[in-house]
N, C-alpha and C. Protein backbone atom coordinates (compact mmCIF):
# COMPACT_ATOMS: atom_id res chain seq x y z
N MET A 1 0.85 -1.17 0.00
CA MET A 1 0.00 0.00 0.00
C MET A 1 0.90 1.23 0.00
N ASP A 2 0.60 2.16 -0.89
CA ASP A 2 1.42 3.36 -0.93
C ASP A 2 1.11 4.27 0.26
N VAL A 3 1.98 5.21 0.54
CA VAL A 3 1.87 6.06 1.73
C VAL A 3 0.63 6.94 1.66
N LYS A 4 0.28 7.41 0.47
CA LYS A 4 -0.92 8.25 0.36
C LYS A 4 -2.17 7.47 0.76
N THR A 5 -2.29 6.24 0.28
CA THR A 5 -3.45 5.42 0.63
C THR A 5 -3.42 5.08 2.12
N LEU A 6 -2.24 4.81 2.64
CA LEU A 6 -2.10 4.55 4.07
C LEU A 6 -2.60 5.75 4.89
N CYS A 7 -2.20 6.95 4.49
CA CYS A 7 -2.65 8.17 5.19
C CYS A 7 -4.16 8.33 5.09
N LEU A 8 -4.72 8.11 3.90
CA LEU A 8 -6.17 8.19 3.74
C LEU A 8 -6.87 7.19 4.66
N GLY A 9 -6.33 5.97 4.71
CA GLY A 9 -6.92 4.94 5.56
C GLY A 9 -6.89 5.33 7.03
N ILE A 10 -5.76 5.83 7.49
CA ILE A 10 -5.65 6.23 8.89
C ILE A 10 -6.60 7.40 9.18
N LEU A 11 -6.68 8.34 8.26
CA LEU A 11 -7.58 9.49 8.47
C LEU A 11 -9.05 9.08 8.40
N SER A 12 -9.34 7.94 7.75
CA SER A 12 -10.73 7.47 7.74
C SER A 12 -11.17 7.03 9.13
N LEU A 13 -10.21 6.76 9.99
CA LEU A 13 -10.50 6.36 11.36
C LEU A 13 -10.66 7.55 12.29
N GLY A 14 -10.23 8.73 11.82
CA GLY A 14 -10.35 9.94 12.61
C GLY A 14 -9.25 10.93 12.26
N ASP A 15 -9.48 12.19 12.60
CA ASP A 15 -8.49 13.23 12.33
C ASP A 15 -7.18 12.91 13.04
N ALA A 16 -6.07 13.34 12.44
CA ALA A 16 -4.76 13.04 13.04
C ALA A 16 -3.73 14.04 12.55
N THR A 17 -2.69 14.20 13.34
CA THR A 17 -1.53 14.99 12.92
C THR A 17 -0.57 14.07 12.18
N GLY A 18 0.38 14.65 11.47
CA GLY A 18 1.41 13.85 10.83
C GLY A 18 2.18 13.03 11.85
N TYR A 19 2.44 13.63 13.01
CA TYR A 19 3.14 12.92 14.09
C TYR A 19 2.34 11.71 14.54
N GLU A 20 1.03 11.88 14.72
CA GLU A 20 0.19 10.77 15.16
C GLU A 20 0.15 9.65 14.12
N ILE A 21 0.12 10.04 12.84
CA ILE A 21 0.15 9.04 11.77
C ILE A 21 1.46 8.26 11.85
N LYS A 22 2.56 8.96 11.99
CA LYS A 22 3.87 8.31 12.08
C LYS A 22 3.92 7.38 13.30
N LYS A 23 3.40 7.83 14.43
CA LYS A 23 3.39 7.03 15.65
C LYS A 23 2.60 5.73 15.44
N LEU A 24 1.45 5.82 14.77
CA LEU A 24 0.66 4.61 14.48
C LEU A 24 1.42 3.64 13.59
N VAL A 25 2.16 4.19 12.63
CA VAL A 25 2.91 3.34 11.70
C VAL A 25 4.16 2.77 12.38
N ALA A 26 4.77 3.55 13.26
CA ALA A 26 6.01 3.10 13.91
C ALA A 26 5.75 2.17 15.10
N ASP A 27 4.76 2.50 15.93
CA ASP A 27 4.57 1.78 17.18
C ASP A 27 3.17 1.21 17.37
N GLY A 28 2.24 1.66 16.57
CA GLY A 28 0.84 1.29 16.81
C GLY A 28 0.37 0.13 15.98
N ALA A 29 -0.93 0.12 15.76
CA ALA A 29 -1.58 -1.00 15.08
C ALA A 29 -1.08 -1.22 13.66
N PHE A 30 -0.49 -0.22 13.05
CA PHE A 30 -0.04 -0.35 11.66
C PHE A 30 1.43 -0.74 11.56
N SER A 31 2.09 -0.87 12.69
CA SER A 31 3.55 -1.02 12.68
C SER A 31 4.04 -2.34 12.09
N PHE A 32 3.22 -3.36 12.09
CA PHE A 32 3.72 -4.64 11.60
C PHE A 32 3.38 -4.90 10.14
N PHE A 33 2.62 -4.00 9.51
CA PHE A 33 2.34 -4.25 8.10
C PHE A 33 2.62 -3.09 7.18
N SER A 34 3.20 -2.03 7.70
CA SER A 34 3.49 -0.91 6.83
C SER A 34 4.68 -0.13 7.37
N GLU A 35 5.41 0.47 6.47
CA GLU A 35 6.51 1.35 6.85
C GLU A 35 6.28 2.71 6.19
N ALA A 36 6.50 3.74 6.95
CA ALA A 36 6.44 5.09 6.40
C ALA A 36 7.21 6.00 7.34
N SER A 37 8.05 6.82 6.76
CA SER A 37 8.85 7.76 7.55
C SER A 37 8.20 9.14 7.49
N TYR A 38 8.68 10.03 8.36
CA TYR A 38 8.21 11.42 8.27
C TYR A 38 8.49 11.96 6.87
N GLY A 39 9.62 11.55 6.31
CA GLY A 39 10.01 12.01 4.98
C GLY A 39 9.08 11.55 3.88
N SER A 40 8.25 10.55 4.15
CA SER A 40 7.26 10.13 3.16
C SER A 40 5.84 10.53 3.56
N ILE A 41 5.57 10.60 4.86
CA ILE A 41 4.22 10.95 5.32
C ILE A 41 3.88 12.40 5.01
N TYR A 42 4.75 13.33 5.35
CA TYR A 42 4.42 14.75 5.15
C TYR A 42 4.28 15.12 3.67
N PRO A 43 5.17 14.64 2.79
CA PRO A 43 4.93 14.92 1.36
C PRO A 43 3.63 14.29 0.85
N ALA A 44 3.30 13.09 1.36
CA ALA A 44 2.04 12.45 0.96
C ALA A 44 0.85 13.28 1.42
N LEU A 45 0.90 13.78 2.65
CA LEU A 45 -0.19 14.62 3.15
C LEU A 45 -0.32 15.91 2.33
N THR A 46 0.81 16.49 1.94
CA THR A 46 0.78 17.70 1.10
C THR A 46 0.13 17.40 -0.24
N LYS A 47 0.49 16.30 -0.86
CA LYS A 47 -0.11 15.92 -2.15
C LYS A 47 -1.60 15.65 -1.99
N LEU A 48 -1.98 15.00 -0.90
CA LEU A 48 -3.39 14.73 -0.65
C LEU A 48 -4.17 16.03 -0.44
N MET A 49 -3.56 17.00 0.23
CA MET A 49 -4.19 18.31 0.41
C MET A 49 -4.33 19.01 -0.94
N ASP A 50 -3.25 19.00 -1.73
CA ASP A 50 -3.27 19.65 -3.04
C ASP A 50 -4.33 19.04 -3.95
N SER A 51 -4.60 17.76 -3.76
CA SER A 51 -5.61 17.07 -4.57
C SER A 51 -7.02 17.21 -3.99
N GLY A 52 -7.14 17.85 -2.83
CA GLY A 52 -8.45 18.04 -2.21
C GLY A 52 -8.97 16.80 -1.51
N LEU A 53 -8.07 15.85 -1.22
CA LEU A 53 -8.50 14.61 -0.58
C LEU A 53 -8.45 14.69 0.95
N VAL A 54 -7.65 15.63 1.46
CA VAL A 54 -7.62 15.90 2.89
C VAL A 54 -7.58 17.41 3.09
N THR A 55 -8.01 17.83 4.27
CA THR A 55 -7.89 19.23 4.66
C THR A 55 -6.97 19.28 5.88
N CYS A 56 -6.54 20.49 6.18
CA CYS A 56 -5.65 20.68 7.32
C CYS A 56 -6.09 21.93 8.07
N ARG A 57 -6.16 21.81 9.38
CA ARG A 57 -6.44 22.98 10.22
C ARG A 57 -5.33 23.07 11.26
N SER A 58 -5.05 24.30 11.68
CA SER A 58 -4.02 24.51 12.68
C SER A 58 -4.65 24.69 14.04
N GLU A 59 -3.99 24.16 15.03
CA GLU A 59 -4.44 24.28 16.41
C GLU A 59 -3.29 24.84 17.23
N SER A 60 -3.55 25.93 17.95
CA SER A 60 -2.51 26.57 18.75
C SER A 60 -2.10 25.69 19.92
N GLN A 61 -0.80 25.79 20.25
CA GLN A 61 -0.26 25.10 21.41
C GLN A 61 0.60 26.09 22.19
N ASP A 62 0.55 26.02 23.49
CA ASP A 62 1.34 26.92 24.32
C ASP A 62 2.82 26.62 24.17
N GLY A 63 3.60 27.63 23.78
CA GLY A 63 5.04 27.53 23.71
C GLY A 63 5.55 26.58 22.63
N ARG A 64 4.70 26.18 21.71
CA ARG A 64 5.11 25.27 20.65
C ARG A 64 4.48 25.74 19.35
N PRO A 65 5.03 25.28 18.24
CA PRO A 65 4.42 25.64 16.96
C PRO A 65 2.99 25.08 16.87
N ASP A 66 2.18 25.70 16.04
CA ASP A 66 0.81 25.22 15.84
C ASP A 66 0.82 23.77 15.38
N LYS A 67 -0.15 23.04 15.85
CA LYS A 67 -0.30 21.63 15.46
C LYS A 67 -1.20 21.59 14.23
N LYS A 68 -0.76 20.86 13.19
CA LYS A 68 -1.56 20.70 11.98
C LYS A 68 -2.34 19.40 12.08
N ILE A 69 -3.65 19.52 12.00
CA ILE A 69 -4.52 18.35 12.11
C ILE A 69 -5.17 18.11 10.76
N TYR A 70 -5.00 16.89 10.26
CA TYR A 70 -5.49 16.52 8.94
C TYR A 70 -6.82 15.77 9.06
N SER A 71 -7.71 16.03 8.10
CA SER A 71 -9.02 15.39 8.05
C SER A 71 -9.28 14.90 6.64
N LEU A 72 -10.00 13.81 6.54
CA LEU A 72 -10.38 13.23 5.26
C LEU A 72 -11.57 14.01 4.69
N THR A 73 -11.53 14.35 3.41
CA THR A 73 -12.67 14.99 2.75
C THR A 73 -13.55 13.90 2.13
N GLU A 74 -14.71 14.31 1.62
CA GLU A 74 -15.58 13.35 0.93
C GLU A 74 -14.87 12.76 -0.28
N ASP A 75 -14.15 13.61 -1.03
CA ASP A 75 -13.37 13.10 -2.18
C ASP A 75 -12.31 12.11 -1.71
N GLY A 76 -11.69 12.40 -0.57
CA GLY A 76 -10.69 11.48 -0.01
C GLY A 76 -11.31 10.15 0.36
N GLU A 77 -12.50 10.20 0.93
CA GLU A 77 -13.20 8.96 1.29
C GLU A 77 -13.54 8.16 0.04
N GLN A 78 -13.98 8.84 -1.02
CA GLN A 78 -14.29 8.15 -2.28
C GLN A 78 -13.03 7.54 -2.90
N THR A 79 -11.92 8.26 -2.83
CA THR A 79 -10.65 7.74 -3.35
C THR A 79 -10.22 6.51 -2.57
N LEU A 80 -10.37 6.58 -1.25
CA LEU A 80 -10.03 5.43 -0.42
C LEU A 80 -10.94 4.24 -0.74
N LYS A 81 -12.23 4.50 -0.89
CA LYS A 81 -13.16 3.42 -1.24
C LYS A 81 -12.76 2.78 -2.56
N SER A 82 -12.39 3.59 -3.53
CA SER A 82 -11.96 3.07 -4.83
C SER A 82 -10.71 2.22 -4.67
N SER A 83 -9.78 2.67 -3.86
CA SER A 83 -8.55 1.91 -3.62
C SER A 83 -8.84 0.58 -2.94
N MET A 84 -9.82 0.58 -2.04
CA MET A 84 -10.13 -0.63 -1.28
C MET A 84 -10.90 -1.65 -2.12
N ARG A 85 -11.42 -1.24 -3.26
CA ARG A 85 -12.08 -2.18 -4.17
C ARG A 85 -11.07 -3.05 -4.91
N GLN A 86 -9.85 -2.58 -4.99
CA GLN A 86 -8.81 -3.32 -5.69
C GLN A 86 -8.18 -4.33 -4.73
N SER A 87 -7.87 -5.50 -5.26
CA SER A 87 -7.20 -6.51 -4.44
C SER A 87 -5.77 -6.06 -4.15
N PRO A 88 -5.33 -6.27 -2.92
CA PRO A 88 -3.95 -5.90 -2.60
C PRO A 88 -2.97 -6.84 -3.29
N GLY A 89 -1.79 -6.35 -3.51
CA GLY A 89 -0.73 -7.19 -4.07
C GLY A 89 -0.28 -8.20 -3.03
N PRO A 90 0.61 -9.08 -3.43
CA PRO A 90 1.10 -10.07 -2.47
C PRO A 90 1.94 -9.41 -1.38
N ASP A 91 1.95 -10.02 -0.21
CA ASP A 91 2.80 -9.52 0.86
C ASP A 91 4.25 -9.69 0.43
N LYS A 92 5.08 -8.75 0.84
CA LYS A 92 6.50 -8.80 0.50
C LYS A 92 7.27 -9.27 1.72
N GLN A 93 8.03 -10.31 1.53
CA GLN A 93 8.84 -10.82 2.62
C GLN A 93 10.30 -10.56 2.30
N ARG A 94 10.84 -9.55 2.92
CA ARG A 94 12.27 -9.25 2.80
C ARG A 94 12.83 -9.23 4.20
N SER A 95 13.98 -9.80 4.37
CA SER A 95 14.49 -9.91 5.72
C SER A 95 16.00 -9.76 5.75
N GLU A 96 16.45 -8.70 6.38
CA GLU A 96 17.89 -8.54 6.63
C GLU A 96 18.36 -9.62 7.58
N PHE A 97 17.49 -10.03 8.49
CA PHE A 97 17.82 -11.09 9.43
C PHE A 97 18.18 -12.38 8.68
N LEU A 98 17.33 -12.80 7.73
CA LEU A 98 17.59 -14.04 7.01
C LEU A 98 18.88 -13.95 6.19
N ALA A 99 19.12 -12.81 5.58
CA ALA A 99 20.37 -12.63 4.83
C ALA A 99 21.57 -12.72 5.78
N SER A 100 21.45 -12.12 6.96
CA SER A 100 22.54 -12.16 7.94
C SER A 100 22.81 -13.58 8.41
N VAL A 101 21.76 -14.35 8.64
CA VAL A 101 21.95 -15.74 9.06
C VAL A 101 22.68 -16.52 7.97
N LEU A 102 22.21 -16.38 6.73
CA LEU A 102 22.81 -17.12 5.62
C LEU A 102 24.28 -16.78 5.44
N PHE A 103 24.59 -15.50 5.43
CA PHE A 103 25.97 -15.09 5.18
C PHE A 103 26.86 -15.32 6.39
N SER A 104 26.30 -15.19 7.60
CA SER A 104 27.10 -15.44 8.80
C SER A 104 27.55 -16.89 8.87
N GLU A 105 26.69 -17.80 8.45
CA GLU A 105 27.07 -19.21 8.47
C GLU A 105 28.36 -19.43 7.68
N ALA A 106 28.50 -18.70 6.58
CA ALA A 106 29.66 -18.89 5.71
C ALA A 106 30.92 -18.21 6.25
N VAL A 107 30.78 -17.03 6.85
CA VAL A 107 31.98 -16.28 7.22
C VAL A 107 32.17 -16.03 8.71
N TYR A 108 31.13 -16.21 9.49
CA TYR A 108 31.20 -15.90 10.91
C TYR A 108 30.18 -16.78 11.65
N PRO A 109 30.37 -18.10 11.63
CA PRO A 109 29.36 -19.02 12.15
C PRO A 109 28.97 -18.77 13.61
N GLU A 110 29.89 -18.25 14.43
CA GLU A 110 29.58 -17.98 15.83
C GLU A 110 28.46 -16.94 15.97
N ARG A 111 28.31 -16.11 14.96
CA ARG A 111 27.31 -15.03 15.00
C ARG A 111 25.88 -15.57 14.86
N VAL A 112 25.72 -16.74 14.27
CA VAL A 112 24.38 -17.29 14.04
C VAL A 112 23.62 -17.42 15.35
N THR A 113 24.27 -17.92 16.39
CA THR A 113 23.63 -18.08 17.69
C THR A 113 23.11 -16.73 18.20
N GLN A 114 23.92 -15.71 18.09
CA GLN A 114 23.53 -14.38 18.56
C GLN A 114 22.37 -13.84 17.73
N LEU A 115 22.42 -14.04 16.42
CA LEU A 115 21.34 -13.57 15.55
C LEU A 115 20.00 -14.22 15.91
N ILE A 116 20.02 -15.52 16.13
CA ILE A 116 18.79 -16.24 16.51
C ILE A 116 18.27 -15.71 17.84
N SER A 117 19.16 -15.54 18.79
CA SER A 117 18.77 -15.05 20.11
C SER A 117 18.18 -13.64 20.04
N GLU A 118 18.84 -12.76 19.30
CA GLU A 118 18.34 -11.38 19.14
C GLU A 118 16.98 -11.36 18.48
N ARG A 119 16.80 -12.21 17.47
CA ARG A 119 15.53 -12.20 16.74
C ARG A 119 14.40 -12.75 17.60
N LYS A 120 14.70 -13.71 18.46
CA LYS A 120 13.68 -14.21 19.39
C LYS A 120 13.23 -13.07 20.32
N LEU A 121 14.17 -12.30 20.81
CA LEU A 121 13.82 -11.16 21.67
C LEU A 121 12.97 -10.14 20.92
N TYR A 122 13.30 -9.92 19.65
CA TYR A 122 12.53 -9.00 18.81
C TYR A 122 11.08 -9.46 18.71
N HIS A 123 10.87 -10.74 18.41
CA HIS A 123 9.50 -11.25 18.26
C HIS A 123 8.76 -11.24 19.60
N GLU A 124 9.46 -11.53 20.68
CA GLU A 124 8.83 -11.46 21.99
C GLU A 124 8.35 -10.04 22.29
N ASP A 125 9.16 -9.05 21.92
CA ASP A 125 8.78 -7.64 22.11
C ASP A 125 7.57 -7.28 21.24
N ARG A 126 7.56 -7.71 19.98
CA ARG A 126 6.42 -7.44 19.09
C ARG A 126 5.15 -8.09 19.63
N ILE A 127 5.27 -9.28 20.18
CA ILE A 127 4.11 -9.98 20.75
C ILE A 127 3.57 -9.17 21.93
N ARG A 128 4.47 -8.68 22.79
CA ARG A 128 4.03 -7.84 23.93
C ARG A 128 3.32 -6.59 23.43
N SER A 129 3.89 -5.93 22.42
CA SER A 129 3.29 -4.70 21.89
C SER A 129 1.91 -4.96 21.31
N LEU A 130 1.80 -6.00 20.50
CA LEU A 130 0.51 -6.31 19.88
C LEU A 130 -0.51 -6.77 20.92
N THR A 131 -0.06 -7.51 21.92
CA THR A 131 -0.96 -7.94 22.98
C THR A 131 -1.51 -6.74 23.74
N SER A 132 -0.67 -5.74 23.97
CA SER A 132 -1.15 -4.53 24.65
C SER A 132 -2.14 -3.77 23.78
N LEU A 133 -1.94 -3.81 22.45
CA LEU A 133 -2.90 -3.17 21.56
C LEU A 133 -4.26 -3.86 21.60
N GLN A 134 -4.27 -5.16 21.88
CA GLN A 134 -5.53 -5.90 21.97
C GLN A 134 -6.37 -5.41 23.14
N GLN A 135 -5.74 -4.78 24.13
CA GLN A 135 -6.46 -4.29 25.29
C GLN A 135 -7.25 -3.02 24.98
N GLU A 136 -6.90 -2.38 23.86
CA GLU A 136 -7.60 -1.16 23.46
C GLU A 136 -8.94 -1.50 22.83
N GLU A 137 -9.82 -0.53 22.79
CA GLU A 137 -11.10 -0.73 22.13
C GLU A 137 -10.85 -0.74 20.62
N LEU A 138 -11.18 -1.86 19.99
CA LEU A 138 -10.91 -2.04 18.57
C LEU A 138 -12.18 -2.42 17.83
N SER A 139 -12.22 -2.07 16.58
CA SER A 139 -13.30 -2.52 15.71
C SER A 139 -13.09 -4.00 15.41
N PRO A 140 -14.09 -4.68 14.86
CA PRO A 140 -13.87 -6.09 14.48
C PRO A 140 -12.69 -6.25 13.51
N ALA A 141 -12.56 -5.36 12.54
CA ALA A 141 -11.42 -5.45 11.60
C ALA A 141 -10.12 -5.18 12.34
N GLY A 142 -10.12 -4.24 13.28
CA GLY A 142 -8.92 -3.96 14.08
C GLY A 142 -8.50 -5.16 14.89
N ARG A 143 -9.47 -5.86 15.51
CA ARG A 143 -9.15 -7.08 16.26
C ARG A 143 -8.57 -8.14 15.34
N PHE A 144 -9.14 -8.26 14.14
CA PHE A 144 -8.65 -9.24 13.16
C PHE A 144 -7.20 -8.93 12.77
N VAL A 145 -6.93 -7.66 12.47
CA VAL A 145 -5.59 -7.26 12.03
C VAL A 145 -4.56 -7.49 13.13
N ILE A 146 -4.89 -7.09 14.35
CA ILE A 146 -3.96 -7.30 15.47
C ILE A 146 -3.79 -8.80 15.72
N GLY A 147 -4.86 -9.56 15.64
CA GLY A 147 -4.77 -11.01 15.82
C GLY A 147 -3.91 -11.66 14.76
N TYR A 148 -4.05 -11.20 13.53
CA TYR A 148 -3.23 -11.72 12.43
C TYR A 148 -1.75 -11.44 12.70
N GLY A 149 -1.46 -10.22 13.10
CA GLY A 149 -0.09 -9.85 13.42
C GLY A 149 0.47 -10.68 14.56
N LEU A 150 -0.34 -10.90 15.59
CA LEU A 150 0.10 -11.73 16.72
C LEU A 150 0.39 -13.16 16.26
N HIS A 151 -0.48 -13.68 15.42
CA HIS A 151 -0.29 -15.05 14.92
C HIS A 151 1.04 -15.16 14.17
N ILE A 152 1.33 -14.20 13.31
CA ILE A 152 2.57 -14.21 12.55
C ILE A 152 3.78 -14.12 13.48
N GLN A 153 3.72 -13.22 14.45
CA GLN A 153 4.84 -13.06 15.39
C GLN A 153 5.05 -14.32 16.22
N ARG A 154 3.96 -14.94 16.68
CA ARG A 154 4.08 -16.17 17.47
C ARG A 154 4.62 -17.32 16.63
N ALA A 155 4.17 -17.39 15.37
CA ALA A 155 4.67 -18.45 14.48
C ALA A 155 6.17 -18.27 14.23
N ALA A 156 6.59 -17.03 14.01
CA ALA A 156 8.02 -16.77 13.79
C ALA A 156 8.83 -17.14 15.03
N LEU A 157 8.33 -16.78 16.20
CA LEU A 157 9.03 -17.11 17.44
C LEU A 157 9.09 -18.63 17.62
N ALA A 158 8.01 -19.32 17.38
CA ALA A 158 7.99 -20.78 17.51
C ALA A 158 8.99 -21.42 16.54
N PHE A 159 9.05 -20.90 15.31
CA PHE A 159 10.00 -21.43 14.34
C PHE A 159 11.44 -21.23 14.82
N LEU A 160 11.72 -20.05 15.35
CA LEU A 160 13.07 -19.77 15.86
C LEU A 160 13.41 -20.68 17.04
N GLU A 161 12.42 -20.93 17.89
CA GLU A 161 12.67 -21.78 19.05
C GLU A 161 12.95 -23.22 18.62
N ASP A 162 12.28 -23.68 17.57
CA ASP A 162 12.46 -25.06 17.11
C ASP A 162 13.61 -25.16 16.10
N ALA A 163 13.39 -24.65 14.92
CA ALA A 163 14.36 -24.77 13.83
C ALA A 163 15.62 -23.95 14.12
N GLY A 164 15.46 -22.83 14.79
CA GLY A 164 16.62 -22.00 15.12
C GLY A 164 17.58 -22.73 16.04
N GLU A 165 17.03 -23.44 17.02
CA GLU A 165 17.89 -24.20 17.94
C GLU A 165 18.63 -25.31 17.19
N LEU A 166 17.94 -25.96 16.25
CA LEU A 166 18.59 -27.00 15.44
C LEU A 166 19.71 -26.40 14.59
N LEU A 167 19.44 -25.24 14.00
CA LEU A 167 20.47 -24.57 13.19
C LEU A 167 21.68 -24.24 14.05
N VAL A 168 21.46 -23.70 15.21
CA VAL A 168 22.55 -23.35 16.11
C VAL A 168 23.38 -24.59 16.44
N GLN A 169 22.70 -25.69 16.74
CA GLN A 169 23.42 -26.94 17.03
C GLN A 169 24.25 -27.39 15.83
N ASP A 170 23.66 -27.33 14.64
CA ASP A 170 24.38 -27.75 13.43
C ASP A 170 25.58 -26.86 13.15
N VAL A 171 25.40 -25.56 13.28
CA VAL A 171 26.50 -24.61 13.00
C VAL A 171 27.59 -24.80 14.04
N GLU A 172 27.21 -24.94 15.32
CA GLU A 172 28.21 -25.11 16.36
C GLU A 172 28.99 -26.41 16.19
N SER A 173 28.33 -27.47 15.72
CA SER A 173 29.04 -28.74 15.52
C SER A 173 30.01 -28.64 14.34
N ASP A 174 29.69 -27.79 13.35
CA ASP A 174 30.61 -27.58 12.22
C ASP A 174 31.82 -26.75 12.61
N VAL A 175 31.65 -25.85 13.59
CA VAL A 175 32.73 -24.97 14.04
C VAL A 175 33.76 -25.77 14.83
N VAL A 176 33.28 -26.73 15.61
CA VAL A 176 34.18 -27.52 16.47
C VAL A 176 35.01 -28.45 15.71
């Protein structure tokens, strides 16, 4: 999903600042299925405003710059609806972790154990984060999305605990 559509989708749930959108993508419910930086969110919001798909109002803050709050327009809602009629593309699975494991085995086998251990901690942290999101009031689709993310994180952790331990044993036996 492109960043503009992501912003439209988030704004369909309620008005938000660029910071709030980034926070949702970085740490919130959207963090496990989308990436967007400030460097992509703000230009996307500007383009959406220029196209009349979102509006922006300023809100004063004491001792700080005005806060810009973005809202979805009717045209923005129609554009989002049109986008949602199209089937999404396939999920993309790219992993620096998997590349590191593969290459470490060849040149630095001792590192494989550390990589597996670090990645298990990563998935445990993601599981905690998503579990805490489940405590929030969510729509049925929100519960489904968080549940899907939890399932993926738990499956990855289970794989690392099983197959990862076997890999570590195999690599360590080759080193000795």
